[in-house]
Amino acid sequence: MKTEFKLYEQVQLTKPLPEYHFEKGDVATLVEVAKDKQGNDGYVLEFFDNHGKTLQVVVVAEDYIALPPLHAVVNYRPYIAV
């Protein structure tokens, strides 16, 4: 069953993005939906720090995101951008 993601909701990474220093489980805001050349859904994610400052904006395929569990705890970790 395909998940219906909504704009501006929080999503969780299902896979790491090492080129951006993000880990599986990190939380981002979905800010745009796009289609690739094959018609597959792609998602623009914005990652924020705990002060609301944008860390990165990245595009990922649908299999990189999931809705966070209903009763999840958000965990902060150090982030060092290159």
C-alpha atoms as a PDB file:
ATOM      1  CA  MET A   1       0.000   0.000   0.000  1.00  0.00           C
ATOM      2  CA  LYS A   2       1.397   3.394  -1.019  1.00  0.00           C
ATOM      3  CA  THR A   3       1.701   6.062   1.671  1.00  0.00           C
ATOM      4  CA  GLU A   4       0.141   9.431   0.939  1.00  0.00           C
ATOM      5  CA  PHE A   5       2.572  12.089   2.103  1.00  0.00           C
ATOM      6  CA  LYS A   6       1.327  15.632   2.643  1.00  0.00           C
ATOM      7  CA  LEU A   7       3.192  18.875   2.173  1.00  0.00           C
ATOM      8  CA  TYR A   8       4.765  20.357   5.303  1.00  0.00           C
ATOM      9  CA  GLU A   9       4.417  17.233   7.405  1.00  0.00           C
ATOM     10  CA  GLN A  10       7.343  15.688   9.189  1.00  0.00           C
ATOM     11  CA  VAL A  11       8.844  12.538   7.719  1.00  0.00           C
ATOM     12  CA  GLN A  12      11.587  10.248   8.897  1.00  0.00           C
ATOM     13  CA  LEU A  13      14.480   8.923   6.824  1.00  0.00           C
ATOM     14  CA  THR A  14      14.380   5.176   6.219  1.00  0.00           C
ATOM     15  CA  LYS A  15      17.934   5.177   4.828  1.00  0.00           C
ATOM     16  CA  PRO A  16      20.991   7.283   5.620  1.00  0.00           C
ATOM     17  CA  LEU A  17      22.112  10.139   3.375  1.00  0.00           C
ATOM     18  CA  PRO A  18      25.862  10.067   4.098  1.00  0.00           C
ATOM     19  CA  GLU A  19      26.671  12.706   1.472  1.00  0.00           C
ATOM     20  CA  TYR A  20      24.657  15.166   3.614  1.00  0.00           C
ATOM     21  CA  HIS A  21      25.582  13.627   7.000  1.00  0.00           C
ATOM     22  CA  PHE A  22      22.024  12.534   7.779  1.00  0.00           C
ATOM     23  CA  GLU A  23      21.268   9.215   9.427  1.00  0.00           C
ATOM     24  CA  LYS A  24      18.399   6.772   9.198  1.00  0.00           C
ATOM     25  CA  GLY A  25      15.698   8.053  11.562  1.00  0.00           C
ATOM     26  CA  ASP A  26      16.486  11.758  11.160  1.00  0.00           C
ATOM     27  CA  VAL A  27      13.387  13.937  10.817  1.00  0.00           C
ATOM     28  CA  ALA A  28      12.736  16.448   8.025  1.00  0.00           C
ATOM     29  CA  THR A  29       9.836  18.487   6.671  1.00  0.00           C
ATOM     30  CA  LEU A  30       8.436  17.543   3.271  1.00  0.00           C
ATOM     31  CA  VAL A  31       8.297  20.812   1.306  1.00  0.00           C
ATOM     32  CA  GLU A  32       7.651  19.718  -2.304  1.00  0.00           C
ATOM     33  CA  VAL A  33       6.590  16.715  -4.383  1.00  0.00           C
ATOM     34  CA  ALA A  34       8.084  16.188  -7.829  1.00  0.00           C
ATOM     35  CA  LYS A  35       8.145  13.504 -10.530  1.00  0.00           C
ATOM     36  CA  ASP A  36      11.307  12.143 -12.104  1.00  0.00           C
ATOM     37  CA  LYS A  37      11.592  11.344 -15.817  1.00  0.00           C
ATOM     38  CA  GLN A  38      10.069   7.896 -15.244  1.00  0.00           C
ATOM     39  CA  GLY A  39       7.042   9.343 -13.432  1.00  0.00           C
ATOM     40  CA  ASN A  40       8.167   8.194  -9.991  1.00  0.00           C
ATOM     41  CA  ASP A  41       7.463  10.392  -6.977  1.00  0.00           C
ATOM     42  CA  GLY A  42      10.358  12.349  -5.540  1.00  0.00           C
ATOM     43  CA  TYR A  43      10.316  14.488  -2.433  1.00  0.00           C
ATOM     44  CA  VAL A  44      12.098  17.682  -1.451  1.00  0.00           C
ATOM     45  CA  LEU A  45      12.989  17.594   2.229  1.00  0.00           C
ATOM     46  CA  GLU A  46      14.143  20.451   4.430  1.00  0.00           C
ATOM     47  CA  PHE A  47      16.193  19.589   7.496  1.00  0.00           C
ATOM     48  CA  PHE A  48      16.247  22.050  10.408  1.00  0.00           C
ATOM     49  CA  ASP A  49      18.334  22.421  13.538  1.00  0.00           C
ATOM     50  CA  ASN A  50      16.736  22.856  16.969  1.00  0.00           C
ATOM     51  CA  HIS A  51      16.624  26.662  16.447  1.00  0.00           C
ATOM     52  CA  GLY A  52      14.653  26.418  13.194  1.00  0.00           C
ATOM     53  CA  LYS A  53      17.642  27.190  10.952  1.00  0.00           C
ATOM     54  CA  THR A  54      17.742  25.258   7.682  1.00  0.00           C
ATOM     55  CA  LEU A  55      20.592  22.753   7.566  1.00  0.00           C
ATOM     56  CA  GLN A  56      20.024  21.274   4.100  1.00  0.00           C
ATOM     57  CA  VAL A  57      17.381  20.912   1.407  1.00  0.00           C
ATOM     58  CA  VAL A  58      17.624  17.583  -0.408  1.00  0.00           C
ATOM     59  CA  VAL A  59      15.632  15.562  -2.932  1.00  0.00           C
ATOM     60  CA  VAL A  60      14.981  11.887  -2.228  1.00  0.00           C
ATOM     61  CA  ALA A  61      13.034   8.995  -3.719  1.00  0.00           C
ATOM     62  CA  GLU A  62       9.920   7.757  -1.957  1.00  0.00           C
ATOM     63  CA  ASP A  63      11.670   4.736  -0.463  1.00  0.00           C
ATOM     64  CA  TYR A  64      13.854   7.106   1.601  1.00  0.00           C
ATOM     65  CA  ILE A  65      10.990   8.424   3.732  1.00  0.00           C
ATOM     66  CA  ALA A  66       8.253   7.179   6.030  1.00  0.00           C
ATOM     67  CA  LEU A  67       5.835   8.755   8.442  1.00  0.00           C
ATOM     68  CA  PRO A  68       7.244   8.757  11.988  1.00  0.00           C
ATOM     69  CA  PRO A  69       5.717   6.230  14.393  1.00  0.00           C
ATOM     70  CA  LEU A  70       2.623   7.507  16.174  1.00  0.00           C
ATOM     71  CA  HIS A  71       4.202   7.612  19.640  1.00  0.00           C
ATOM     72  CA  ALA A  72       7.792   8.514  18.774  1.00  0.00           C
ATOM     73  CA  VAL A  73      10.298  10.571  20.717  1.00  0.00           C
ATOM     74  CA  VAL A  74      12.426  13.064  18.786  1.00  0.00           C
ATOM     75  CA  ASN A  75      16.108  12.762  19.622  1.00  0.00           C
ATOM     76  CA  TYR A  76      18.665  15.513  18.990  1.00  0.00           C
ATOM     77  CA  ARG A  77      22.185  14.650  17.896  1.00  0.00           C
ATOM     78  CA  PRO A  78      25.143  16.770  16.861  1.00  0.00           C
ATOM     79  CA  TYR A  79      25.208  17.683  13.172  1.00  0.00           C
ATOM     80  CA  ILE A  80      28.346  18.787  11.395  1.00  0.00           C
ATOM     81  CA  ALA A  81      27.899  19.946   7.799  1.00  0.00           C
ATOM     82  CA  VAL A  82      30.775  19.815   5.404  1.00  0.00           C
END
